Amino acid sequence: MKTTAFIVTSAAVLAGCCTSCGPGASCGQAGPMDPLCFTSEPAPEWTALMERTSGWFAADGIFSIPLDGVEDQQNKNKRTLFIFSDTYIGEVRNNVPLPGNVMVNNTAAWMTGVIPDESAIVFRYNKDNEGNPVSYFIPDNRNSRDGEYFWLGDGFVNHAKKNSLYIFAYHVHKTGPNVFDFEATNVAILKIREPTPEGLGICEQIPTELGFVHPVHGRVYFGSGIFVNTGKAGAPCPDGYVYIYGIAGEKKSLVAARVRPEHFEETGRWTFWNGEAWVAGKENIFPITDAVSNELSVTPADDGRYLLTFTVMGISDKIGIRVGSGPAGPFGEINEVYTCPEYQEKGLLPYNAKAHYHLSKPGELLVSYNTITLNFWEDIQKDATIYHPRFITVRYGPHEKTEEKINTDKAMYK
């Protein structure tokens, strides 16, 4: 866990350039490509959407799923499903939760458009027959154990399966009283045939063996991120595969699998990157890179490369981006694009940064991250603001173009 902090205080700060990305091997690019440079700034209008005082008021997780299954940008009619993990429900006054608030393990929000307008988003949580808040998804498959609950991974709408929504869900149980006393034992795939507010809680749980202990690489979980590299999903360089990313061991190594979307449910047909080729058998995984976070994203850049966005080493004040030549890399060195100020200012621990491509503008990434404390169970009852997604905007491009875009944006807001 990193404890140093460099606070981004200016409107836009040059965060770094990728100079070791290697040849651009995607979309027919040949030979070396210009290094990418990154700038970043807070996105307070997006963060404000998550600052709530009634009903849903605190959560982590936050994956965004375009409900048409298309990762295009600037689509004003886009409908988005946000999925969250541990969530607090109740009333808040002067930033303090009132007695009677409760925590559930997964919730959702539904948004129309790509502008952060409070009137365009609706937060929802499931209720039991008495109207009490409960989780949408509770483990109920052959891998389930007593006392487990689901944390949610990434998801996507699968055009090849009648537009069903698929979400990864981690089997989790507590191992002690502290906030980090937990263990994930396996991974399920949730299949929702009607991804609507009314149909979200009706799902089929597909058990898998995608959470396991590798003899060399340690504990492995798949579902940390998804990249749908198909033409129907709007991928710029489609190869017809769904890429599924996982995390391995204490080094926070990135591993990857892929499968044709029509065979997504058949995990026996998945292939895994072994360092040289895509092969059958999860035991053949090989780390692509390391120092990433349990939740992350891989998104296409405007020039045919790919951006891997994450919190450095899972929990730290640094948001990193590695630049790669393909959906499974190889990825270059870490570009530390943003230093989260909450650590130094409030002692909060940032984690699980990721990009939301379809909510971003061309040449930019809208990136979220979460915060928590070591003494969380007590702290959340004193201050609701410590635990909700926060957002930044990351701009990228060749050095000259990046600076030109910054100056243009500044001029627009004078």
Protein backbone atom coordinates (compact mmCIF):
# COMPACT_ATOMS: atom_id res chain seq x y z
CA MET A 1 0.00 0.00 0.00
CA LYS A 2 1.53 3.28 -1.08
CA THR A 3 1.49 6.17 1.35
CA THR A 4 3.10 8.95 -0.65
CA ALA A 5 0.92 11.47 -2.43
CA PHE A 6 1.42 14.12 -5.06
CA ILE A 7 -1.74 16.18 -5.15
CA VAL A 8 -3.06 17.35 -8.51
CA THR A 9 -4.05 20.93 -7.81
CA SER A 10 -4.05 22.66 -11.17
CA ALA A 11 -6.86 22.46 -13.69
CA ALA A 12 -4.85 20.08 -15.83
CA VAL A 13 -1.47 18.58 -15.03
CA LEU A 14 0.88 16.89 -17.45
CA ALA A 15 1.09 13.47 -15.86
CA GLY A 16 3.50 11.63 -18.11
CA CYS A 17 4.29 10.18 -21.52
CA CYS A 18 4.43 6.56 -22.59
CA THR A 19 7.81 6.09 -24.25
CA SER A 20 8.13 2.29 -24.02
CA CYS A 21 4.98 1.08 -25.70
CA GLY A 22 6.80 -0.71 -28.50
CA PRO A 23 5.53 -0.98 -32.07
CA GLY A 24 1.86 -0.34 -32.72
CA ALA A 25 0.79 -3.79 -33.83
CA SER A 26 -2.95 -3.26 -34.01
CA CYS A 27 -5.22 -2.19 -36.88
CA GLY A 28 -2.51 -2.58 -39.44
CA GLN A 29 -0.17 -0.13 -37.73
CA ALA A 30 3.47 -0.87 -38.49
CA GLY A 31 6.63 0.51 -36.95
CA PRO A 32 7.07 2.73 -33.91
CA MET A 33 4.28 5.09 -32.92
CA ASP A 34 4.50 8.45 -31.19
CA PRO A 35 4.50 8.22 -27.41
CA LEU A 36 1.25 9.10 -25.70
CA CYS A 37 1.15 11.81 -23.09
CA PHE A 38 -1.51 12.11 -20.40
CA THR A 39 -3.11 14.94 -18.47
CA SER A 40 -5.74 14.67 -15.78
CA GLU A 41 -8.14 16.72 -13.72
CA PRO A 42 -11.07 16.03 -11.38
CA ALA A 43 -14.53 15.58 -12.92
CA PRO A 44 -16.65 17.08 -10.11
CA GLU A 45 -19.87 17.02 -12.11
CA TRP A 46 -19.66 13.21 -12.31
CA THR A 47 -18.61 12.82 -8.69
CA ALA A 48 -21.60 14.93 -7.66
CA LEU A 49 -23.93 12.29 -9.13
CA MET A 50 -22.71 9.89 -6.44
CA GLU A 51 -23.09 12.32 -3.52
CA ARG A 52 -26.53 11.41 -2.27
CA THR A 53 -28.45 11.85 0.98
CA SER A 54 -31.53 9.64 0.68
CA GLY A 55 -31.89 5.96 -0.15
CA TRP A 56 -28.69 4.88 -1.93
CA PHE A 57 -25.97 7.04 -0.36
CA ALA A 58 -22.64 5.15 -0.43
CA ALA A 59 -21.10 2.33 -2.44
CA ASP A 60 -18.06 1.00 -4.24
CA GLY A 61 -17.59 -1.09 -7.36
CA ILE A 62 -19.12 0.91 -10.23
CA PHE A 63 -18.86 -0.79 -13.57
CA SER A 64 -20.79 0.92 -16.39
CA ILE A 65 -22.51 -1.23 -19.02
CA PRO A 66 -24.05 0.22 -22.21
CA LEU A 67 -27.42 -1.49 -22.50
CA ASP A 68 -27.31 -1.61 -26.28
CA GLY A 69 -24.02 -3.50 -26.05
CA VAL A 70 -22.19 -0.88 -28.13
CA GLU A 71 -19.12 0.97 -26.84
CA ASP A 72 -19.52 4.14 -28.88
CA GLN A 73 -18.92 7.66 -27.62
CA GLN A 74 -21.03 10.83 -27.49
CA ASN A 75 -24.31 8.97 -28.04
CA LYS A 76 -26.84 11.27 -26.39
CA ASN A 77 -29.46 8.50 -26.37
CA LYS A 78 -27.21 5.94 -24.69
CA ARG A 79 -28.70 4.00 -21.79
CA THR A 80 -26.26 2.83 -19.12
CA LEU A 81 -26.50 0.38 -16.27
CA PHE A 82 -24.15 1.08 -13.35
CA ILE A 83 -23.54 -1.84 -11.01
CA PHE A 84 -22.17 -1.41 -7.48
CA SER A 85 -20.98 -3.75 -4.76
CA ASP A 86 -21.30 -3.06 -1.01
CA THR A 87 -23.87 -0.26 -0.70
CA TYR A 88 -25.38 1.71 2.16
CA ILE A 89 -29.10 2.54 2.17
CA GLY A 90 -30.64 5.14 4.48
CA GLU A 91 -30.90 8.86 5.18
CA VAL A 92 -28.05 11.34 5.58
CA ARG A 93 -28.06 14.71 7.35
CA ASN A 94 -25.04 17.04 7.30
CA ASN A 95 -22.97 14.18 5.82
CA VAL A 96 -23.81 11.89 8.77
CA PRO A 97 -25.90 8.75 8.18
CA LEU A 98 -28.92 8.57 10.44
CA PRO A 99 -29.52 5.49 12.61
CA GLY A 100 -31.22 2.64 10.81
CA ASN A 101 -29.05 2.68 7.68
CA VAL A 102 -28.23 -0.76 6.28
CA MET A 103 -25.64 -2.27 3.98
CA VAL A 104 -26.46 -4.59 1.07
CA ASN A 105 -23.90 -6.24 -1.17
CA ASN A 106 -24.95 -5.08 -4.64
CA THR A 107 -27.16 -2.38 -6.17
CA ALA A 108 -27.62 -0.57 -9.50
CA ALA A 109 -28.34 2.73 -11.19
CA TRP A 110 -29.87 3.48 -14.58
CA MET A 111 -28.83 6.47 -16.65
CA THR A 112 -29.95 8.00 -19.95
CA GLY A 113 -27.50 9.99 -22.05
CA VAL A 114 -23.85 10.81 -21.46
CA ILE A 115 -24.19 14.07 -19.55
CA PRO A 116 -23.86 13.93 -15.74
CA ASP A 117 -27.33 15.26 -15.02
CA GLU A 118 -28.99 14.27 -11.73
CA SER A 119 -32.36 14.08 -13.48
CA ALA A 120 -31.00 11.46 -15.91
CA ILE A 121 -29.96 8.84 -13.34
CA VAL A 122 -32.03 6.67 -11.01
CA PHE A 123 -30.45 4.62 -8.22
CA ARG A 124 -32.16 1.36 -7.33
CA TYR A 125 -31.80 -1.33 -4.71
CA ASN A 126 -33.70 -4.56 -4.31
CA LYS A 127 -36.34 -5.03 -1.60
CA ASP A 128 -37.80 -8.05 0.14
CA ASN A 129 -41.52 -8.68 0.62
CA GLU A 130 -41.59 -6.32 3.61
CA GLY A 131 -39.89 -3.52 1.70
CA ASN A 132 -36.51 -3.91 3.39
CA PRO A 133 -33.35 -3.36 1.33
CA VAL A 134 -31.69 -6.57 0.14
CA SER A 135 -29.09 -7.46 -2.48
CA TYR A 136 -30.15 -8.07 -6.06
CA PHE A 137 -27.90 -11.12 -6.30
CA ILE A 138 -27.26 -13.72 -3.59
CA PRO A 139 -25.14 -16.86 -4.15
CA ASP A 140 -27.34 -19.82 -5.05
CA ASN A 141 -25.39 -22.29 -7.17
CA ARG A 142 -23.31 -25.42 -6.70
CA ASN A 143 -20.27 -23.41 -5.54
CA SER A 144 -22.18 -21.47 -2.87
CA ARG A 145 -21.28 -21.74 0.81
CA ASP A 146 -23.15 -20.62 3.90
CA GLY A 147 -22.56 -16.98 4.76
CA GLU A 148 -21.37 -15.95 1.31
CA TYR A 149 -22.42 -12.91 -0.65
CA PHE A 150 -21.70 -11.55 -4.12
CA TRP A 151 -19.42 -8.71 -5.08
CA LEU A 152 -19.85 -7.79 -8.73
CA GLY A 153 -17.23 -7.74 -11.45
CA ASP A 154 -17.56 -6.39 -14.97
CA GLY A 155 -20.42 -7.17 -17.33
CA PHE A 156 -21.64 -6.75 -20.91
CA VAL A 157 -24.69 -7.18 -23.13
CA ASN A 158 -24.10 -10.12 -25.45
CA HIS A 159 -25.54 -9.65 -28.95
CA ALA A 160 -24.87 -13.30 -29.73
CA LYS A 161 -27.11 -14.45 -26.84
CA LYS A 162 -30.30 -12.49 -27.56
CA ASN A 163 -28.93 -9.37 -25.86
CA SER A 164 -28.74 -11.05 -22.48
CA LEU A 165 -26.72 -9.25 -19.83
CA TYR A 166 -23.80 -11.14 -18.29
CA ILE A 167 -22.14 -10.02 -15.04
CA PHE A 168 -19.28 -11.64 -13.15
CA ALA A 169 -19.97 -12.19 -9.45
CA TYR A 170 -17.42 -13.16 -6.81
CA HIS A 171 -18.31 -15.57 -4.01
CA VAL A 172 -17.10 -13.70 -0.90
CA HIS A 173 -17.20 -14.42 2.83
CA LYS A 174 -15.87 -12.60 5.88
CA THR A 175 -12.84 -13.99 7.71
CA GLY A 176 -12.69 -11.49 10.58
CA PRO A 177 -14.04 -8.20 11.97
CA ASN A 178 -11.94 -5.74 9.95
CA VAL A 179 -12.79 -4.21 6.59
CA PHE A 180 -10.15 -6.21 4.72
CA ASP A 181 -10.94 -9.49 6.47
CA PHE A 182 -12.60 -11.31 3.59
CA GLU A 183 -11.90 -14.03 1.06
CA ALA A 184 -13.26 -14.71 -2.41
CA THR A 185 -13.51 -18.41 -3.17
CA ASN A 186 -14.90 -18.60 -6.70
CA VAL A 187 -16.61 -16.76 -9.55
CA ALA A 188 -20.12 -17.10 -10.95
CA ILE A 189 -21.54 -15.63 -14.13
CA LEU A 190 -24.95 -14.02 -13.77
CA LYS A 191 -27.18 -14.16 -16.84
CA ILE A 192 -30.03 -11.63 -16.96
CA ARG A 193 -32.29 -12.17 -19.96
CA GLU A 194 -34.16 -8.88 -19.52
CA PRO A 195 -31.73 -6.15 -18.40
CA THR A 196 -34.39 -3.70 -17.24
CA PRO A 197 -35.08 -2.21 -13.81
CA GLU A 198 -37.86 -4.77 -13.39
CA GLY A 199 -35.90 -7.72 -14.77
CA LEU A 200 -32.51 -7.14 -13.17
CA GLY A 201 -33.08 -9.36 -10.14
CA ILE A 202 -34.25 -12.31 -12.23
CA CYS A 203 -31.10 -14.13 -13.22
CA GLU A 204 -29.56 -17.50 -13.90
CA GLN A 205 -26.38 -18.21 -11.94
CA ILE A 206 -23.79 -20.06 -14.01
CA PRO A 207 -21.19 -21.64 -11.69
CA THR A 208 -17.59 -21.65 -12.91
CA GLU A 209 -14.13 -22.60 -11.71
CA LEU A 210 -12.70 -19.20 -12.67
CA GLY A 211 -11.66 -18.49 -9.09
CA PHE A 212 -8.82 -20.82 -8.16
CA VAL A 213 -5.34 -21.10 -6.70
CA HIS A 214 -2.60 -21.46 -9.31
CA PRO A 215 0.50 -23.39 -8.14
CA VAL A 216 2.83 -20.64 -9.42
CA HIS A 217 0.81 -17.44 -9.68
CA GLY A 218 -1.33 -17.76 -6.56
CA ARG A 219 -4.99 -16.89 -6.10
CA VAL A 220 -6.68 -16.05 -9.42
CA TYR A 221 -10.05 -14.47 -10.21
CA PHE A 222 -11.49 -13.69 -13.62
CA GLY A 223 -14.03 -10.92 -14.22
CA SER A 224 -11.96 -7.86 -13.25
CA GLY A 225 -12.61 -6.33 -16.66
CA ILE A 226 -14.11 -7.16 -20.05
CA PHE A 227 -13.35 -5.91 -23.55
CA VAL A 228 -15.81 -6.98 -26.26
CA ASN A 229 -13.75 -6.91 -29.44
CA THR A 230 -16.53 -7.43 -31.97
CA GLY A 231 -17.88 -5.32 -34.78
CA LYS A 232 -21.38 -5.29 -33.31
CA ALA A 233 -19.97 -3.91 -30.05
CA GLY A 234 -18.32 -1.05 -31.92
CA ALA A 235 -14.72 -2.22 -31.47
CA PRO A 236 -12.39 -0.31 -33.82
CA CYS A 237 -10.25 -3.39 -34.66
CA PRO A 238 -12.61 -6.34 -34.14
CA ASP A 239 -11.36 -9.91 -34.06
CA GLY A 240 -14.66 -11.43 -32.93
CA TYR A 241 -13.64 -12.30 -29.36
CA VAL A 242 -14.70 -11.27 -25.87
CA TYR A 243 -11.61 -10.66 -23.72
CA ILE A 244 -11.95 -11.39 -20.01
CA TYR A 245 -9.32 -10.14 -17.58
CA GLY A 246 -8.35 -11.55 -14.23
CA ILE A 247 -5.98 -10.85 -11.34
CA ALA A 248 -3.38 -13.25 -9.99
CA GLY A 249 -1.50 -13.30 -6.70
CA GLU A 250 0.09 -10.69 -4.48
CA LYS A 251 1.86 -9.06 -7.43
CA LYS A 252 -1.58 -8.09 -8.79
CA SER A 253 -0.68 -9.66 -12.13
CA LEU A 254 -2.99 -9.30 -15.11
CA VAL A 255 -4.09 -12.51 -16.83
CA ALA A 256 -6.47 -12.91 -19.76
CA ALA A 257 -8.86 -15.29 -21.45
CA ARG A 258 -10.94 -14.95 -24.58
CA VAL A 259 -13.91 -16.64 -26.21
CA ARG A 260 -16.37 -16.11 -29.04
CA PRO A 261 -19.46 -14.36 -27.67
CA GLU A 262 -21.78 -17.19 -28.72
CA HIS A 263 -19.76 -19.56 -26.49
CA PHE A 264 -19.40 -17.21 -23.53
CA GLU A 265 -21.32 -19.46 -21.12
CA GLU A 266 -19.16 -22.47 -22.02
CA THR A 267 -16.04 -21.75 -19.99
CA GLY A 268 -14.53 -25.02 -21.20
CA ARG A 269 -14.25 -23.39 -24.63
CA TRP A 270 -12.35 -20.37 -23.33
CA THR A 271 -8.69 -20.04 -24.19
CA PHE A 272 -6.08 -18.44 -21.97
CA TRP A 273 -2.96 -16.45 -22.77
CA ASN A 274 0.11 -18.51 -21.82
CA GLY A 275 2.73 -15.91 -22.75
CA GLU A 276 3.00 -17.07 -26.36
CA ALA A 277 -0.42 -18.19 -27.58
CA TRP A 278 -4.08 -18.68 -26.68
CA VAL A 279 -4.48 -22.20 -25.33
CA ALA A 280 -7.07 -24.28 -23.53
CA GLY A 281 -6.87 -24.73 -19.76
CA LYS A 282 -6.87 -22.07 -17.06
CA GLU A 283 -3.79 -23.71 -15.52
CA ASN A 284 -1.82 -22.34 -18.47
CA ILE A 285 -2.29 -18.67 -17.59
CA PHE A 286 0.77 -16.44 -17.68
CA PRO A 287 0.99 -12.85 -16.37
CA ILE A 288 0.74 -10.15 -19.04
CA THR A 289 1.81 -7.39 -16.68
CA ASP A 290 1.54 -6.63 -12.97
CA ALA A 291 0.80 -4.00 -10.30
CA VAL A 292 -2.83 -3.59 -11.45
CA SER A 293 -6.04 -3.54 -9.38
CA ASN A 294 -8.84 -6.00 -8.69
CA GLU A 295 -11.11 -3.92 -10.92
CA LEU A 296 -9.77 -2.33 -14.08
CA SER A 297 -10.51 -1.57 -17.72
CA VAL A 298 -9.02 -2.09 -21.17
CA THR A 299 -10.23 0.42 -23.76
CA PRO A 300 -9.19 1.35 -27.29
CA ALA A 301 -7.18 4.51 -27.88
CA ASP A 302 -7.86 6.67 -30.91
CA ASP A 303 -4.73 5.48 -32.73
CA GLY A 304 -5.23 1.71 -32.59
CA ARG A 305 -3.52 1.08 -29.28
CA TYR A 306 -5.15 0.04 -26.00
CA LEU A 307 -5.23 1.65 -22.57
CA LEU A 308 -5.15 -0.46 -19.41
CA THR A 309 -6.45 1.70 -16.55
CA PHE A 310 -6.12 0.72 -12.87
CA THR A 311 -5.11 1.73 -9.36
CA VAL A 312 -1.42 0.97 -8.97
CA MET A 313 -1.05 -2.17 -6.81
CA GLY A 314 -4.77 -2.26 -6.09
CA ILE A 315 -4.84 0.21 -3.19
CA SER A 316 -2.79 3.39 -3.49
CA ASP A 317 -3.13 7.07 -4.30
CA LYS A 318 -1.85 6.52 -7.85
CA ILE A 319 -4.02 5.88 -10.90
CA GLY A 320 -2.00 4.24 -13.66
CA ILE A 321 -2.36 3.61 -17.36
CA ARG A 322 -0.29 1.16 -19.38
CA VAL A 323 -0.37 1.45 -23.18
CA GLY A 324 -0.54 -1.74 -25.23
CA SER A 325 -0.51 -2.81 -28.86
CA GLY A 326 -3.44 -5.21 -28.49
CA PRO A 327 -6.27 -6.13 -26.10
CA ALA A 328 -3.90 -8.53 -24.32
CA GLY A 329 -0.83 -6.35 -24.65
CA PRO A 330 2.05 -6.35 -24.56
CA PHE A 331 1.63 -3.34 -22.27
CA GLY A 332 4.30 -0.77 -21.53
CA GLU A 333 5.40 0.87 -18.31
CA ILE A 334 3.02 2.49 -15.83
CA ASN A 335 2.07 6.09 -16.56
CA GLU A 336 0.97 7.54 -13.21
CA VAL A 337 -1.70 9.84 -14.59
CA TYR A 338 -3.28 11.06 -11.36
CA THR A 339 -2.59 11.26 -7.64
CA CYS A 340 -5.79 10.92 -5.64
CA PRO A 341 -5.79 13.77 -3.07
CA GLU A 342 -8.09 12.02 -0.59
CA TYR A 343 -5.25 10.00 0.91
CA GLN A 344 -3.18 12.96 2.00
CA GLU A 345 -6.11 15.24 2.74
CA LYS A 346 -8.43 12.83 4.57
CA GLY A 347 -6.53 9.59 5.08
CA LEU A 348 -8.81 7.73 2.65
CA LEU A 349 -7.51 4.72 0.71
CA PRO A 350 -8.19 4.91 -3.05
CA TYR A 351 -8.73 1.67 -5.00
CA ASN A 352 -10.09 -0.01 -8.14
CA ALA A 353 -9.78 2.73 -10.76
CA LYS A 354 -11.22 2.03 -14.18
CA ALA A 355 -12.29 3.88 -17.34
CA HIS A 356 -15.84 4.25 -18.65
CA TYR A 357 -15.27 4.38 -22.39
CA HIS A 358 -18.77 5.01 -23.70
CA LEU A 359 -19.21 7.90 -21.25
CA SER A 360 -15.93 9.48 -22.36
CA LYS A 361 -15.20 11.97 -25.12
CA PRO A 362 -12.80 11.14 -27.98
CA GLY A 363 -9.23 11.58 -26.82
CA GLU A 364 -10.32 11.33 -23.17
CA LEU A 365 -11.19 8.76 -20.56
CA LEU A 366 -13.71 9.25 -17.78
CA VAL A 367 -12.12 7.33 -14.90
CA SER A 368 -13.66 6.40 -11.56
CA TYR A 369 -12.06 5.27 -8.33
CA ASN A 370 -13.34 4.33 -4.88
CA THR A 371 -12.20 5.28 -1.37
CA ILE A 372 -12.39 3.57 2.00
CA THR A 373 -10.69 3.65 5.43
CA LEU A 374 -9.05 1.04 7.64
CA ASN A 375 -11.57 1.78 10.40
CA PHE A 376 -14.40 1.75 7.91
CA TRP A 377 -17.25 0.24 9.95
CA GLU A 378 -17.03 3.10 12.45
CA ASP A 379 -15.98 5.84 10.04
CA ILE A 380 -18.89 5.37 7.63
CA GLN A 381 -21.35 6.05 10.47
CA LYS A 382 -19.68 9.42 11.06
CA ASP A 383 -19.16 10.60 7.48
CA ALA A 384 -21.05 9.29 4.46
CA THR A 385 -18.75 11.12 2.04
CA ILE A 386 -15.81 8.78 2.60
CA TYR A 387 -17.36 5.97 0.54
CA HIS A 388 -18.63 6.72 -2.94
CA PRO A 389 -17.15 6.69 -6.46
CA ARG A 390 -15.08 9.68 -7.52
CA PHE A 391 -14.25 10.66 -11.09
CA ILE A 392 -11.48 12.27 -13.08
CA THR A 393 -10.98 13.07 -16.75
CA VAL A 394 -7.79 11.83 -18.37
CA ARG A 395 -6.77 13.30 -21.73
CA TYR A 396 -4.26 11.53 -23.91
CA GLY A 397 -2.47 11.98 -27.20
CA PRO A 398 0.87 13.11 -28.64
CA HIS A 399 2.43 15.84 -26.51
CA GLU A 400 1.60 18.74 -28.82
CA LYS A 401 -2.01 17.70 -29.41
CA THR A 402 -2.58 17.05 -25.72
CA GLU A 403 -1.38 20.53 -24.76
CA GLU A 404 -3.45 22.05 -27.57
CA LYS A 405 -6.60 20.31 -26.30
CA ILE A 406 -5.93 21.52 -22.74
CA ASN A 407 -5.61 25.11 -23.90
CA THR A 408 -8.79 24.81 -26.00
CA ASP A 409 -10.75 23.40 -23.07
CA LYS A 410 -9.50 26.14 -20.77
CA ALA A 411 -10.58 28.78 -23.27
CA MET A 412 -14.07 27.28 -23.47
CA TYR A 413 -14.61 27.73 -19.74
CA LYS A 414 -13.23 31.25 -19.36
